[in-house]
C-alpha atoms as a PDB file:
ATOM      1  CA  MET A   1       0.000   0.000   0.000  1.00  0.00           C
ATOM      2  CA  ILE A   2       1.296   3.453  -0.923  1.00  0.00           C
ATOM      3  CA  LEU A   3       0.961   6.048   1.834  1.00  0.00           C
ATOM      4  CA  SER A   4      -1.267   9.020   1.018  1.00  0.00           C
ATOM      5  CA  ALA A   5      -0.446  12.629   1.832  1.00  0.00           C
ATOM      6  CA  HIS A   6      -2.823  12.413   4.789  1.00  0.00           C
ATOM      7  CA  GLU A   7      -1.021   9.331   6.148  1.00  0.00           C
ATOM      8  CA  ILE A   8       2.432  10.858   5.590  1.00  0.00           C
ATOM      9  CA  VAL A   9       1.480  13.978   7.555  1.00  0.00           C
ATOM     10  CA  ARG A  10      -0.223  11.888  10.270  1.00  0.00           C
ATOM     11  CA  ARG A  11       2.952   9.831  10.718  1.00  0.00           C
ATOM     12  CA  ILE A  12       5.141  12.955  10.847  1.00  0.00           C
ATOM     13  CA  LYS A  13       2.980  14.257  13.697  1.00  0.00           C
ATOM     14  CA  SER A  14       2.652  10.867  15.442  1.00  0.00           C
ATOM     15  CA  GLU A  15       3.743  10.482  19.057  1.00  0.00           C
ATOM     16  CA  CYS A  16       4.229   6.728  18.524  1.00  0.00           C
ATOM     17  CA  ALA A  17       7.946   6.072  17.906  1.00  0.00           C
ATOM     18  CA  GLN A  18       7.191   2.809  16.090  1.00  0.00           C
ATOM     19  CA  GLU A  19       5.272   4.554  13.286  1.00  0.00           C
ATOM     20  CA  ARG A  20       6.798   8.054  13.359  1.00  0.00           C
ATOM     21  CA  LEU A  21       8.199   9.362  10.077  1.00  0.00           C
ATOM     22  CA  VAL A  22      10.785  12.162   9.995  1.00  0.00           C
ATOM     23  CA  ILE A  23      11.258  14.444   6.997  1.00  0.00           C
ATOM     24  CA  ALA A  24      13.276  17.484   8.069  1.00  0.00           C
ATOM     25  CA  PRO A  25      12.942  20.146   6.993  1.00  0.00           C
ATOM     26  CA  TYR A  26       9.367  19.339   5.969  1.00  0.00           C
ATOM     27  CA  SER A  27       7.670  21.623   3.450  1.00  0.00           C
ATOM     28  CA  ALA A  28       3.948  21.477   2.672  1.00  0.00           C
ATOM     29  CA  GLU A  29       4.832  22.647  -0.871  1.00  0.00           C
ATOM     30  CA  CYS A  30       6.724  19.375  -1.415  1.00  0.00           C
ATOM     31  CA  GLN A  31       3.837  17.198  -0.231  1.00  0.00           C
ATOM     32  CA  GLN A  32       2.079  15.499  -3.149  1.00  0.00           C
ATOM     33  CA  PRO A  33      -1.097  13.358  -3.017  1.00  0.00           C
ATOM     34  CA  ALA A  34       0.874  10.087  -2.723  1.00  0.00           C
ATOM     35  CA  SER A  35       4.532  11.138  -2.508  1.00  0.00           C
ATOM     36  CA  TYR A  36       6.900  13.748  -1.156  1.00  0.00           C
ATOM     37  CA  ASP A  37       9.292  15.770  -3.351  1.00  0.00           C
ATOM     38  CA  LEU A  38      12.870  15.739  -2.088  1.00  0.00           C
ATOM     39  CA  ARG A  39      15.024  18.801  -2.703  1.00  0.00           C
ATOM     40  CA  ALA A  40      18.679  19.273  -3.603  1.00  0.00           C
ATOM     41  CA  ALA A  41      20.912  20.219  -0.656  1.00  0.00           C
ATOM     42  CA  GLU A  42      23.318  22.217  -2.823  1.00  0.00           C
ATOM     43  CA  ASP A  43      23.851  23.849  -6.196  1.00  0.00           C
ATOM     44  CA  ILE A  44      25.196  21.286  -8.656  1.00  0.00           C
ATOM     45  CA  ILE A  45      25.566  20.705 -12.389  1.00  0.00           C
ATOM     46  CA  LEU A  46      24.296  17.452 -13.903  1.00  0.00           C
ATOM     47  CA  SER A  47      26.831  17.065 -16.707  1.00  0.00           C
ATOM     48  CA  ARG A  48      25.809  15.302 -19.898  1.00  0.00           C
ATOM     49  CA  GLY A  49      26.512  11.582 -19.905  1.00  0.00           C
ATOM     50  CA  THR A  50      27.533  11.323 -16.253  1.00  0.00           C
ATOM     51  CA  CYS A  51      26.079  10.052 -13.005  1.00  0.00           C
ATOM     52  CA  THR A  52      26.101  12.741 -10.319  1.00  0.00           C
ATOM     53  CA  LEU A  53      25.509  12.086  -6.617  1.00  0.00           C
ATOM     54  CA  VAL A  54      23.254  14.765  -5.153  1.00  0.00           C
ATOM     55  CA  PRO A  55      22.479  14.894  -1.423  1.00  0.00           C
ATOM     56  CA  SER A  56      18.872  15.479  -0.431  1.00  0.00           C
ATOM     57  CA  LEU A  57      18.197  18.588   1.623  1.00  0.00           C
ATOM     58  CA  GLU A  58      15.941  16.490   3.828  1.00  0.00           C
ATOM     59  CA  TRP A  59      17.003  14.224   6.653  1.00  0.00           C
ATOM     60  CA  VAL A  60      14.699  11.194   6.469  1.00  0.00           C
ATOM     61  CA  GLU A  61      13.915   8.627   9.162  1.00  0.00           C
ATOM     62  CA  LEU A  62      11.626   5.768   8.141  1.00  0.00           C
ATOM     63  CA  PRO A  63       9.845   3.687  10.755  1.00  0.00           C
ATOM     64  CA  VAL A  64      10.332  -0.082  10.485  1.00  0.00           C
ATOM     65  CA  ASP A  65       6.867  -0.505   8.943  1.00  0.00           C
ATOM     66  CA  ALA A  66       7.596   1.765   5.953  1.00  0.00           C
ATOM     67  CA  ALA A  67       9.925   1.655   2.933  1.00  0.00           C
ATOM     68  CA  GLY A  68      10.474   4.161   0.176  1.00  0.00           C
ATOM     69  CA  THR A  69      11.059   4.192  -3.548  1.00  0.00           C
ATOM     70  CA  LEU A  70      12.631   7.125  -5.342  1.00  0.00           C
ATOM     71  CA  ARG A  71      11.633   8.387  -8.782  1.00  0.00           C
ATOM     72  CA  CYS A  72      13.094  11.249 -10.758  1.00  0.00           C
ATOM     73  CA  ARG A  73      10.571  14.072 -11.100  1.00  0.00           C
ATOM     74  CA  SER A  74       9.047  14.157 -14.568  1.00  0.00           C
ATOM     75  CA  SER A  75      10.333  17.695 -15.197  1.00  0.00           C
ATOM     76  CA  LEU A  76      13.900  16.318 -15.073  1.00  0.00           C
ATOM     77  CA  GLY A  77      12.980  13.063 -16.797  1.00  0.00           C
ATOM     78  CA  ARG A  78      11.697  15.038 -19.780  1.00  0.00           C
ATOM     79  CA  ARG A  79      15.180  16.532 -20.065  1.00  0.00           C
ATOM     80  CA  GLY A  80      16.842  13.094 -20.094  1.00  0.00           C
ATOM     81  CA  VAL A  81      17.689  12.621 -16.418  1.00  0.00           C
ATOM     82  CA  LEU A  82      17.465   9.058 -15.070  1.00  0.00           C
ATOM     83  CA  MET A  83      17.327   8.010 -11.405  1.00  0.00           C
ATOM     84  CA  GLY A  84      19.400   5.127 -10.037  1.00  0.00           C
ATOM     85  CA  ALA A  85      19.547   3.411  -6.639  1.00  0.00           C
ATOM     86  CA  GLY A  86      15.972   4.216  -5.771  1.00  0.00           C
ATOM     87  CA  PHE A  87      15.032   2.210  -2.658  1.00  0.00           C
ATOM     88  CA  ILE A  88      15.004   3.193   1.028  1.00  0.00           C
ATOM     89  CA  ASP A  89      14.924   0.348   3.548  1.00  0.00           C
ATOM     90  CA  PRO A  90      12.637   0.343   6.591  1.00  0.00           C
ATOM     91  CA  GLY A  91      14.399   1.918   9.562  1.00  0.00           C
ATOM     92  CA  PHE A  92      16.805   3.995   7.443  1.00  0.00           C
ATOM     93  CA  ARG A  93      17.785   7.406   8.754  1.00  0.00           C
ATOM     94  CA  GLY A  94      19.955  10.054   7.157  1.00  0.00           C
ATOM     95  CA  GLN A  95      20.257  12.296   4.152  1.00  0.00           C
ATOM     96  CA  LEU A  96      19.633  10.448   0.916  1.00  0.00           C
ATOM     97  CA  THR A  97      22.230  10.246  -1.835  1.00  0.00           C
ATOM     98  CA  LEU A  98      20.340  10.724  -5.096  1.00  0.00           C
ATOM     99  CA  CYS A  99      22.039   9.109  -8.111  1.00  0.00           C
ATOM    100  CA  LEU A 100      21.082  11.183 -11.160  1.00  0.00           C
ATOM    101  CA  THR A 101      22.376  10.404 -14.664  1.00  0.00           C
ATOM    102  CA  ASN A 102      21.959  13.055 -17.337  1.00  0.00           C
ATOM    103  CA  MET A 103      21.388  11.330 -20.677  1.00  0.00           C
ATOM    104  CA  GLY A 104      20.042  14.519 -22.270  1.00  0.00           C
ATOM    105  CA  GLY A 105      21.701  16.833 -24.737  1.00  0.00           C
ATOM    106  CA  GLU A 106      22.851  19.560 -22.368  1.00  0.00           C
ATOM    107  CA  ASP A 107      24.228  20.117 -18.879  1.00  0.00           C
ATOM    108  CA  ILE A 108      21.499  20.829 -16.329  1.00  0.00           C
ATOM    109  CA  ALA A 109      21.901  23.228 -13.414  1.00  0.00           C
ATOM    110  CA  VAL A 110      20.240  22.145 -10.175  1.00  0.00           C
ATOM    111  CA  ARG A 111      19.926  24.779  -7.474  1.00  0.00           C
ATOM    112  CA  LYS A 112      19.720  24.260  -3.739  1.00  0.00           C
ATOM    113  CA  ASN A 113      16.065  23.688  -2.734  1.00  0.00           C
ATOM    114  CA  ASP A 114      15.024  22.546  -6.259  1.00  0.00           C
ATOM    115  CA  ARG A 115      12.577  19.653  -6.059  1.00  0.00           C
ATOM    116  CA  ILE A 116      14.307  16.850  -7.951  1.00  0.00           C
ATOM    117  CA  VAL A 117      13.088  13.427  -6.769  1.00  0.00           C
ATOM    118  CA  GLN A 118       9.771  11.979  -5.589  1.00  0.00           C
ATOM    119  CA  MET A 119       9.834   9.736  -2.517  1.00  0.00           C
ATOM    120  CA  ILE A 120       6.964   7.260  -2.520  1.00  0.00           C
ATOM    121  CA  LEU A 121       6.350   5.603   0.842  1.00  0.00           C
ATOM    122  CA  HIS A 122       4.978   2.075   1.186  1.00  0.00           C
ATOM    123  CA  GLU A 123       3.633   0.119   4.129  1.00  0.00           C
ATOM    124  CA  VAL A 124       5.734  -2.905   5.121  1.00  0.00           C
ATOM    125  CA  ARG A 125       3.736  -5.692   6.728  1.00  0.00           C
ATOM    126  CA  ASN A 126       5.074  -8.291   9.147  1.00  0.00           C
ATOM    127  CA  TRP A 127       8.397  -6.494   9.528  1.00  0.00           C
ATOM    128  CA  SER A 128      11.047  -7.961  11.763  1.00  0.00           C
ATOM    129  CA  GLU A 129      13.835  -5.388  11.965  1.00  0.00           C
ATOM    130  CA  GLY A 130      14.990  -2.172  10.404  1.00  0.00           C
ATOM    131  CA  TYR A 131      18.008  -1.179   8.339  1.00  0.00           C
ATOM    132  CA  SER A 132      21.366  -1.138  10.122  1.00  0.00           C
ATOM    133  CA  GLY A 133      23.758  -1.040   7.163  1.00  0.00           C
ATOM    134  CA  ARG A 134      26.752   1.112   6.357  1.00  0.00           C
ATOM    135  CA  TYR A 135      24.731   4.065   5.022  1.00  0.00           C
ATOM    136  CA  GLN A 136      22.809   4.572   8.289  1.00  0.00           C
ATOM    137  CA  ASP A 137      23.044   8.194   9.493  1.00  0.00           C
ATOM    138  CA  SER A 138      24.430   9.382   6.132  1.00  0.00           C
ATOM    139  CA  SER A 139      25.233  13.048   5.757  1.00  0.00           C
ATOM    140  CA  GLY A 140      25.792  14.676   2.375  1.00  0.00           C
ATOM    141  CA  ALA A 141      26.390  12.736  -0.838  1.00  0.00           C
ATOM    142  CA  VAL A 142      27.950   9.415   0.150  1.00  0.00           C
ATOM    143  CA  GLU A 143      30.101   7.517  -2.370  1.00  0.00           C
ATOM    144  CA  ALA A 144      29.855   3.724  -2.635  1.00  0.00           C
ATOM    145  CA  LYS A 145      31.540   2.061   0.312  1.00  0.00           C
END
């Protein structure tokens, strides 16, 4: 089940640690009916033909009963930008490293606070434990480890 805007906001405000979702800083302008738009943390150029790692402005903490998928926003997709590495495990916390490959015909400037990726949140049923891997508590764009 995909979480609706209402459910995303409810979980952000929840007092229950087991279901609480953190998106900081949260912006109502980024909230979509069934997703949340993540923003770039810095000015960056997406050079033609290259994969660029872009840190999300937002710090995200998923509860263990939620996972996320990442999709490039259609405005960038129409210019030839593809999204890679688009899954967030239950229990993950940190800034997200967004892997954007520009397959278009020109370099693309991304400015700090530009909405660049949609985060779609899904319910995870019968979960057992959350993420505890090497990218936990990531800050900034993190290269492969």
